[in-house]
């Protein structure tokens, strides 16, 4: 499955509901809600030992009420540490 990618659009209201259920999303070290959510989701995926990479796409290709996750634009915790 190497090289397969797809984009998903997540409504911000869904993320806000997830924060009510999983308040640890807001404890992630990031500025925006989108970045905190992606870091939290990435940790959940790694915990299950799945091989996925999440990335945030800053410019949606169409009008959406949420934000897009683009696998080519995501920085993981190692990248964030290297930038310090």
PDB file of N, CA and C in Angstrom:
ATOM      1  N   UNK A   1       0.811  -1.198   0.000  1.00  0.00           N
ATOM      2  CA  UNK A   1       0.000   0.000   0.000  1.00  0.00           C
ATOM      3  C   UNK A   1       0.852   1.259   0.000  1.00  0.00           C
ATOM      4  N   UNK A   2       2.082   1.143  -0.341  1.00  0.00           N
ATOM      5  CA  UNK A   2       2.975   2.285  -0.353  1.00  0.00           C
ATOM      6  C   UNK A   2       2.582   3.252  -1.458  1.00  0.00           C
ATOM      7  N   UNK A   3       2.491   4.536  -1.135  1.00  0.00           N
ATOM      8  CA  UNK A   3       2.214   5.551  -2.127  1.00  0.00           C
ATOM      9  C   UNK A   3       0.748   5.858  -2.328  1.00  0.00           C
ATOM     10  N   UNK A   4      -0.152   5.185  -1.656  1.00  0.00           N
ATOM     11  CA  UNK A   4      -1.574   5.468  -1.796  1.00  0.00           C
ATOM     12  C   UNK A   4      -1.928   6.629  -0.882  1.00  0.00           C
ATOM     13  N   UNK A   5      -2.635   7.607  -1.426  1.00  0.00           N
ATOM     14  CA  UNK A   5      -3.042   8.733  -0.588  1.00  0.00           C
ATOM     15  C   UNK A   5      -4.457   9.154  -0.951  1.00  0.00           C
ATOM     16  N   UNK A   6      -5.115   9.772  -0.005  1.00  0.00           N
ATOM     17  CA  UNK A   6      -6.438  10.327  -0.230  1.00  0.00           C
ATOM     18  C   UNK A   6      -6.633  11.477   0.734  1.00  0.00           C
ATOM     19  N   UNK A   7      -7.624  12.298   0.454  1.00  0.00           N
ATOM     20  CA  UNK A   7      -7.920  13.436   1.313  1.00  0.00           C
ATOM     21  C   UNK A   7      -9.289  13.255   1.945  1.00  0.00           C
ATOM     22  N   UNK A   8      -9.399  13.702   3.188  1.00  0.00           N
ATOM     23  CA  UNK A   8     -10.699  13.714   3.842  1.00  0.00           C
ATOM     24  C   UNK A   8     -10.963  15.122   4.346  1.00  0.00           C
ATOM     25  N   UNK A   9     -12.203  15.494   4.332  1.00  0.00           N
ATOM     26  CA  UNK A   9     -12.616  16.797   4.840  1.00  0.00           C
ATOM     27  C   UNK A   9     -13.418  16.553   6.111  1.00  0.00           C
ATOM     28  N   UNK A  10     -13.043  17.240   7.182  1.00  0.00           N
ATOM     29  CA  UNK A  10     -13.699  17.038   8.471  1.00  0.00           C
ATOM     30  C   UNK A  10     -14.312  18.352   8.912  1.00  0.00           C
ATOM     31  N   UNK A  11     -15.593  18.324   9.162  1.00  0.00           N
ATOM     32  CA  UNK A  11     -16.306  19.513   9.609  1.00  0.00           C
ATOM     33  C   UNK A  11     -15.793  19.917  10.993  1.00  0.00           C
ATOM     34  N   UNK A  12     -15.562  21.197  11.169  1.00  0.00           N
ATOM     35  CA  UNK A  12     -15.053  21.706  12.443  1.00  0.00           C
ATOM     36  C   UNK A  12     -15.998  21.365  13.596  1.00  0.00           C
ATOM     37  N   UNK A  13     -17.295  21.319  13.322  1.00  0.00           N
ATOM     38  CA  UNK A  13     -18.258  20.968  14.381  1.00  0.00           C
ATOM     39  C   UNK A  13     -18.016  19.554  14.892  1.00  0.00           C
ATOM     40  N   UNK A  14     -17.625  18.640  14.004  1.00  0.00           N
ATOM     41  CA  UNK A  14     -17.316  17.273  14.429  1.00  0.00           C
ATOM     42  C   UNK A  14     -16.104  17.265  15.357  1.00  0.00           C
ATOM     43  N   UNK A  15     -15.082  18.029  15.000  1.00  0.00           N
ATOM     44  CA  UNK A  15     -13.882  18.098  15.837  1.00  0.00           C
ATOM     45  C   UNK A  15     -14.230  18.688  17.200  1.00  0.00           C
ATOM     46  N   UNK A  16     -15.082  19.694  17.229  1.00  0.00           N
ATOM     47  CA  UNK A  16     -15.487  20.288  18.505  1.00  0.00           C
ATOM     48  C   UNK A  16     -16.243  19.282  19.365  1.00  0.00           C
ATOM     49  N   UNK A  17     -17.075  18.451  18.751  1.00  0.00           N
ATOM     50  CA  UNK A  17     -17.769  17.392  19.499  1.00  0.00           C
ATOM     51  C   UNK A  17     -16.767  16.352  20.012  1.00  0.00           C
ATOM     52  N   UNK A  18     -15.766  16.033  19.179  1.00  0.00           N
ATOM     53  CA  UNK A  18     -14.736  15.084  19.614  1.00  0.00           C
ATOM     54  C   UNK A  18     -13.957  15.624  20.809  1.00  0.00           C
ATOM     55  N   UNK A  19     -13.734  16.933  20.842  1.00  0.00           N
ATOM     56  CA  UNK A  19     -13.029  17.541  21.970  1.00  0.00           C
ATOM     57  C   UNK A  19     -13.833  17.379  23.257  1.00  0.00           C
ATOM     58  N   UNK A  20     -15.156  17.422  23.153  1.00  0.00           N
ATOM     59  CA  UNK A  20     -15.990  17.196  24.338  1.00  0.00           C
ATOM     60  C   UNK A  20     -15.787  15.777  24.871  1.00  0.00           C
ATOM     61  N   UNK A  21     -15.625  14.827  23.964  1.00  0.00           N
ATOM     62  CA  UNK A  21     -15.445  13.424  24.348  1.00  0.00           C
ATOM     63  C   UNK A  21     -13.990  13.138  24.719  1.00  0.00           C
ATOM     64  N   UNK A  22     -13.062  13.745  23.973  1.00  0.00           N
ATOM     65  CA  UNK A  22     -11.620  13.528  24.174  1.00  0.00           C
ATOM     66  C   UNK A  22     -10.940  14.876  24.429  1.00  0.00           C
ATOM     67  N   UNK A  23     -11.028  15.412  25.642  1.00  0.00           N
ATOM     68  CA  UNK A  23     -10.444  16.731  25.922  1.00  0.00           C
ATOM     69  C   UNK A  23      -8.922  16.778  25.749  1.00  0.00           C
ATOM     70  N   UNK A  24      -8.277  15.623  25.672  1.00  0.00           N
ATOM     71  CA  UNK A  24      -6.825  15.614  25.474  1.00  0.00           C
ATOM     72  C   UNK A  24      -6.426  16.162  24.103  1.00  0.00           C
ATOM     73  N   UNK A  25      -7.367  16.301  23.194  1.00  0.00           N
ATOM     74  CA  UNK A  25      -7.072  16.915  21.892  1.00  0.00           C
ATOM     75  C   UNK A  25      -6.529  18.322  22.107  1.00  0.00           C
ATOM     76  N   UNK A  26      -7.141  19.071  23.009  1.00  0.00           N
ATOM     77  CA  UNK A  26      -6.708  20.450  23.271  1.00  0.00           C
ATOM     78  C   UNK A  26      -5.380  20.529  24.010  1.00  0.00           C
ATOM     79  N   UNK A  27      -4.871  19.412  24.506  1.00  0.00           N
ATOM     80  CA  UNK A  27      -3.593  19.414  25.217  1.00  0.00           C
ATOM     81  C   UNK A  27      -2.406  19.207  24.279  1.00  0.00           C
ATOM     82  N   UNK A  28      -2.670  19.012  22.999  1.00  0.00           N
ATOM     83  CA  UNK A  28      -1.592  18.828  22.026  1.00  0.00           C
ATOM     84  C   UNK A  28      -0.841  20.135  21.838  1.00  0.00           C
ATOM     85  N   UNK A  29       0.442  20.027  21.529  1.00  0.00           N
ATOM     86  CA  UNK A  29       1.300  21.197  21.372  1.00  0.00           C
ATOM     87  C   UNK A  29       1.184  21.745  19.957  1.00  0.00           C
ATOM     88  N   UNK A  30       0.178  22.579  19.734  1.00  0.00           N
ATOM     89  CA  UNK A  30      -0.034  23.198  18.425  1.00  0.00           C
ATOM     90  C   UNK A  30      -0.887  24.443  18.623  1.00  0.00           C
ATOM     91  N   UNK A  31      -0.859  25.317  17.640  1.00  0.00           N
ATOM     92  CA  UNK A  31      -1.583  26.576  17.751  1.00  0.00           C
ATOM     93  C   UNK A  31      -3.036  26.435  17.320  1.00  0.00           C
ATOM     94  N   UNK A  32      -3.259  25.844  16.155  1.00  0.00           N
ATOM     95  CA  UNK A  32      -4.619  25.795  15.619  1.00  0.00           C
ATOM     96  C   UNK A  32      -5.337  24.521  16.040  1.00  0.00           C
ATOM     97  N   UNK A  33      -6.641  24.591  16.003  1.00  0.00           N
ATOM     98  CA  UNK A  33      -7.477  23.432  16.303  1.00  0.00           C
ATOM     99  C   UNK A  33      -7.158  22.284  15.345  1.00  0.00           C
ATOM    100  N   UNK A  34      -6.971  22.619  14.075  1.00  0.00           N
ATOM    101  CA  UNK A  34      -6.681  21.598  13.071  1.00  0.00           C
ATOM    102  C   UNK A  34      -5.388  20.852  13.395  1.00  0.00           C
ATOM    103  N   UNK A  35      -4.350  21.604  13.757  1.00  0.00           N
ATOM    104  CA  UNK A  35      -3.063  20.978  14.080  1.00  0.00           C
ATOM    105  C   UNK A  35      -3.165  20.113  15.330  1.00  0.00           C
ATOM    106  N   UNK A  36      -3.876  20.611  16.351  1.00  0.00           N
ATOM    107  CA  UNK A  36      -4.050  19.815  17.575  1.00  0.00           C
ATOM    108  C   UNK A  36      -4.788  18.517  17.276  1.00  0.00           C
ATOM    109  N   UNK A  37      -5.832  18.599  16.444  1.00  0.00           N
ATOM    110  CA  UNK A  37      -6.595  17.404  16.085  1.00  0.00           C
ATOM    111  C   UNK A  37      -5.725  16.402  15.325  1.00  0.00           C
ATOM    112  N   UNK A  38      -4.954  16.885  14.365  1.00  0.00           N
ATOM    113  CA  UNK A  38      -4.113  15.990  13.566  1.00  0.00           C
ATOM    114  C   UNK A  38      -3.045  15.332  14.437  1.00  0.00           C
ATOM    115  N   UNK A  39      -2.433  16.078  15.348  1.00  0.00           N
ATOM    116  CA  UNK A  39      -1.435  15.484  16.245  1.00  0.00           C
ATOM    117  C   UNK A  39      -2.067  14.414  17.127  1.00  0.00           C
ATOM    118  N   UNK A  40      -3.264  14.690  17.636  1.00  0.00           N
ATOM    119  CA  UNK A  40      -3.975  13.722  18.472  1.00  0.00           C
ATOM    120  C   UNK A  40      -4.319  12.476  17.666  1.00  0.00           C
ATOM    121  N   UNK A  41      -4.854  12.675  16.457  1.00  0.00           N
ATOM    122  CA  UNK A  41      -5.228  11.548  15.606  1.00  0.00           C
ATOM    123  C   UNK A  41      -3.997  10.738  15.209  1.00  0.00           C
ATOM    124  N   UNK A  42      -2.901  11.416  14.926  1.00  0.00           N
ATOM    125  CA  UNK A  42      -1.649  10.734  14.583  1.00  0.00           C
ATOM    126  C   UNK A  42      -1.186   9.853  15.742  1.00  0.00           C
ATOM    127  N   UNK A  43      -1.284  10.364  16.967  1.00  0.00           N
ATOM    128  CA  UNK A  43      -0.890   9.574  18.140  1.00  0.00           C
ATOM    129  C   UNK A  43      -1.781   8.345  18.293  1.00  0.00           C
ATOM    130  N   UNK A  44      -3.075   8.509  18.032  1.00  0.00           N
ATOM    131  CA  UNK A  44      -4.003   7.372  18.116  1.00  0.00           C
ATOM    132  C   UNK A  44      -3.657   6.310  17.077  1.00  0.00           C
ATOM    133  N   UNK A  45      -3.322   6.750  15.869  1.00  0.00           N
ATOM    134  CA  UNK A  45      -2.974   5.807  14.803  1.00  0.00           C
ATOM    135  C   UNK A  45      -1.673   5.086  15.139  1.00  0.00           C
ATOM    136  N   UNK A  46      -0.670   5.831  15.630  1.00  0.00           N
ATOM    137  CA  UNK A  46       0.610   5.203  15.990  1.00  0.00           C
ATOM    138  C   UNK A  46       0.445   4.227  17.145  1.00  0.00           C
ATOM    139  N   UNK A  47      -0.467   4.544  18.074  1.00  0.00           N
ATOM    140  CA  UNK A  47      -0.717   3.665  19.213  1.00  0.00           C
ATOM    141  C   UNK A  47      -1.223   2.300  18.740  1.00  0.00           C
ATOM    142  N   UNK A  48      -1.968   2.307  17.656  1.00  0.00           N
ATOM    143  CA  UNK A  48      -2.484   1.057  17.089  1.00  0.00           C
ATOM    144  C   UNK A  48      -1.505   0.435  16.096  1.00  0.00           C
ATOM    145  N   UNK A  49      -0.339   1.068  15.950  1.00  0.00           N
ATOM    146  CA  UNK A  49       0.738   0.586  15.078  1.00  0.00           C
ATOM    147  C   UNK A  49       0.294   0.474  13.625  1.00  0.00           C
ATOM    148  N   UNK A  50      -0.496   1.433  13.188  1.00  0.00           N
ATOM    149  CA  UNK A  50      -0.891   1.515  11.787  1.00  0.00           C
ATOM    150  C   UNK A  50       0.091   2.429  11.076  1.00  0.00           C
ATOM    151  N   UNK A  51       0.317   2.196   9.817  1.00  0.00           N
ATOM    152  CA  UNK A  51       1.307   2.965   9.065  1.00  0.00           C
ATOM    153  C   UNK A  51       0.610   4.004   8.188  1.00  0.00           C
ATOM    154  N   UNK A  52       0.226   5.118   8.800  1.00  0.00           N
ATOM    155  CA  UNK A  52      -0.428   6.206   8.082  1.00  0.00           C
ATOM    156  C   UNK A  52       0.278   7.505   8.411  1.00  0.00           C
ATOM    157  N   UNK A  53       0.248   8.432   7.485  1.00  0.00           N
ATOM    158  CA  UNK A  53       0.831   9.748   7.694  1.00  0.00           C
ATOM    159  C   UNK A  53      -0.237  10.785   7.401  1.00  0.00           C
ATOM    160  N   UNK A  54      -0.486  11.672   8.351  1.00  0.00           N
ATOM    161  CA  UNK A  54      -1.515  12.698   8.199  1.00  0.00           C
ATOM    162  C   UNK A  54      -0.870  14.040   7.944  1.00  0.00           C
ATOM    163  N   UNK A  55      -1.485  14.808   7.070  1.00  0.00           N
ATOM    164  CA  UNK A  55      -0.972  16.137   6.757  1.00  0.00           C
ATOM    165  C   UNK A  55      -2.147  17.087   6.603  1.00  0.00           C
ATOM    166  N   UNK A  56      -1.920  18.336   6.944  1.00  0.00           N
ATOM    167  CA  UNK A  56      -2.960  19.349   6.793  1.00  0.00           C
ATOM    168  C   UNK A  56      -2.740  20.082   5.487  1.00  0.00           C
ATOM    169  N   UNK A  57      -3.784  20.189   4.707  1.00  0.00           N
ATOM    170  CA  UNK A  57      -3.739  20.981   3.481  1.00  0.00           C
ATOM    171  C   UNK A  57      -4.288  22.356   3.818  1.00  0.00           C
ATOM    172  N   UNK A  58      -3.489  23.389   3.606  1.00  0.00           N
ATOM    173  CA  UNK A  58      -3.895  24.729   4.018  1.00  0.00           C
ATOM    174  C   UNK A  58      -4.945  25.345   3.108  1.00  0.00           C
ATOM    175  N   UNK A  59      -4.939  24.989   1.827  1.00  0.00           N
ATOM    176  CA  UNK A  59      -5.872  25.585   0.881  1.00  0.00           C
ATOM    177  C   UNK A  59      -6.804  24.500   0.360  1.00  0.00           C
ATOM    178  N   UNK A  60      -8.071  24.519   0.785  1.00  0.00           N
ATOM    179  CA  UNK A  60      -9.012  23.511   0.275  1.00  0.00           C
ATOM    180  C   UNK A  60      -9.228  23.678  -1.222  1.00  0.00           C
ATOM    181  N   UNK A  61      -9.487  22.581  -1.904  1.00  0.00           N
ATOM    182  CA  UNK A  61      -9.742  22.612  -3.338  1.00  0.00           C
ATOM    183  C   UNK A  61     -11.172  23.040  -3.641  1.00  0.00           C
ATOM    184  N   UNK A  62     -12.057  22.930  -2.681  1.00  0.00           N
ATOM    185  CA  UNK A  62     -13.434  23.367  -2.834  1.00  0.00           C
ATOM    186  C   UNK A  62     -13.887  23.941  -1.503  1.00  0.00           C
ATOM    187  N   UNK A  63     -14.969  24.663  -1.525  1.00  0.00           N
ATOM    188  CA  UNK A  63     -15.467  25.279  -0.302  1.00  0.00           C
ATOM    189  C   UNK A  63     -15.980  24.205   0.655  1.00  0.00           C
ATOM    190  N   UNK A  64     -15.444  24.212   1.882  1.00  0.00           N
ATOM    191  CA  UNK A  64     -15.871  23.258   2.900  1.00  0.00           C
ATOM    192  C   UNK A  64     -16.073  24.003   4.211  1.00  0.00           C
ATOM    193  N   UNK A  65     -16.817  23.408   5.116  1.00  0.00           N
ATOM    194  CA  UNK A  65     -17.046  24.026   6.423  1.00  0.00           C
ATOM    195  C   UNK A  65     -16.021  23.584   7.449  1.00  0.00           C
ATOM    196  N   UNK A  66     -15.159  22.671   7.093  1.00  0.00           N
ATOM    197  CA  UNK A  66     -14.148  22.169   8.018  1.00  0.00           C
ATOM    198  C   UNK A  66     -12.764  22.424   7.474  1.00  0.00           C
ATOM    199  N   UNK A  67     -11.897  21.439   7.546  1.00  0.00           N
ATOM    200  CA  UNK A  67     -10.552  21.555   7.014  1.00  0.00           C
ATOM    201  C   UNK A  67     -10.178  20.233   6.381  1.00  0.00           C
ATOM    202  N   UNK A  68      -9.149  20.246   5.563  1.00  0.00           N
ATOM    203  CA  UNK A  68      -8.727  19.039   4.853  1.00  0.00           C
ATOM    204  C   UNK A  68      -7.437  18.495   5.453  1.00  0.00           C
ATOM    205  N   UNK A  69      -7.321  17.197   5.446  1.00  0.00           N
ATOM    206  CA  UNK A  69      -6.081  16.535   5.823  1.00  0.00           C
ATOM    207  C   UNK A  69      -5.440  16.036   4.538  1.00  0.00           C
ATOM    208  N   UNK A  70      -4.267  16.552   4.247  1.00  0.00           N
ATOM    209  CA  UNK A  70      -3.554  16.157   3.038  1.00  0.00           C
ATOM    210  C   UNK A  70      -2.299  15.410   3.461  1.00  0.00           C
ATOM    211  N   UNK A  71      -2.149  14.153   3.061  1.00  0.00           N
ATOM    212  CA  UNK A  71      -1.006  13.364   3.524  1.00  0.00           C
ATOM    213  C   UNK A  71       0.357  13.891   3.084  1.00  0.00           C
ATOM    214  N   UNK A  72       0.408  14.868   2.187  1.00  0.00           N
ATOM    215  CA  UNK A  72       1.694  15.400   1.732  1.00  0.00           C
ATOM    216  C   UNK A  72       2.173  16.600   2.541  1.00  0.00           C
ATOM    217  N   UNK A  73       1.343  17.153   3.422  1.00  0.00           N
ATOM    218  CA  UNK A  73       1.679  18.404   4.096  1.00  0.00           C
ATOM    219  C   UNK A  73       1.769  18.318   5.614  1.00  0.00           C
ATOM    220  N   UNK A  74       1.730  17.157   6.193  1.00  0.00           N
ATOM    221  CA  UNK A  74       1.670  17.020   7.648  1.00  0.00           C
ATOM    222  C   UNK A  74       3.062  16.917   8.261  1.00  0.00           C
ATOM    223  N   UNK A  75       3.249  17.562   9.382  1.00  0.00           N
ATOM    224  CA  UNK A  75       4.499  17.438  10.144  1.00  0.00           C
ATOM    225  C   UNK A  75       4.202  16.632  11.396  1.00  0.00           C
ATOM    226  N   UNK A  76       4.992  15.620  11.641  1.00  0.00           N
ATOM    227  CA  UNK A  76       4.781  14.829  12.846  1.00  0.00           C
ATOM    228  C   UNK A  76       5.601  15.406  14.001  1.00  0.00           C
ATOM    229  N   UNK A  77       5.544  14.779  15.139  1.00  0.00           N
ATOM    230  CA  UNK A  77       6.205  15.286  16.340  1.00  0.00           C
ATOM    231  C   UNK A  77       7.721  15.362  16.136  1.00  0.00           C
ATOM    232  N   UNK A  78       8.299  14.403  15.409  1.00  0.00           N
ATOM    233  CA  UNK A  78       9.745  14.437  15.146  1.00  0.00           C
ATOM    234  C   UNK A  78      10.119  15.678  14.347  1.00  0.00           C
ATOM    235  N   UNK A  79       9.316  16.018  13.342  1.00  0.00           N
ATOM    236  CA  UNK A  79       9.582  17.227  12.557  1.00  0.00           C
ATOM    237  C   UNK A  79       9.506  18.466  13.438  1.00  0.00           C
ATOM    238  N   UNK A  80       8.518  18.504  14.326  1.00  0.00           N
ATOM    239  CA  UNK A  80       8.352  19.654  15.214  1.00  0.00           C
ATOM    240  C   UNK A  80       9.567  19.785  16.138  1.00  0.00           C
ATOM    241  N   UNK A  81      10.072  18.662  16.647  1.00  0.00           N
ATOM    242  CA  UNK A  81      11.248  18.680  17.513  1.00  0.00           C
ATOM    243  C   UNK A  81      12.475  19.161  16.746  1.00  0.00           C
ATOM    244  N   UNK A  82      12.617  18.731  15.497  1.00  0.00           N
ATOM    245  CA  UNK A  82      13.761  19.142  14.683  1.00  0.00           C
ATOM    246  C   UNK A  82      13.731  20.629  14.362  1.00  0.00           C
ATOM    247  N   UNK A  83      12.552  21.230  14.351  1.00  0.00           N
ATOM    248  CA  UNK A  83      12.422  22.652  14.037  1.00  0.00           C
ATOM    249  C   UNK A  83      12.773  23.537  15.229  1.00  0.00           C
ATOM    250  N   UNK A  84      12.825  22.963  16.431  1.00  0.00           N
ATOM    251  CA  UNK A  84      13.122  23.754  17.637  1.00  0.00           C
ATOM    252  C   UNK A  84      14.548  24.188  17.670  1.00  0.00           C
TER     253      UNK A  84
END
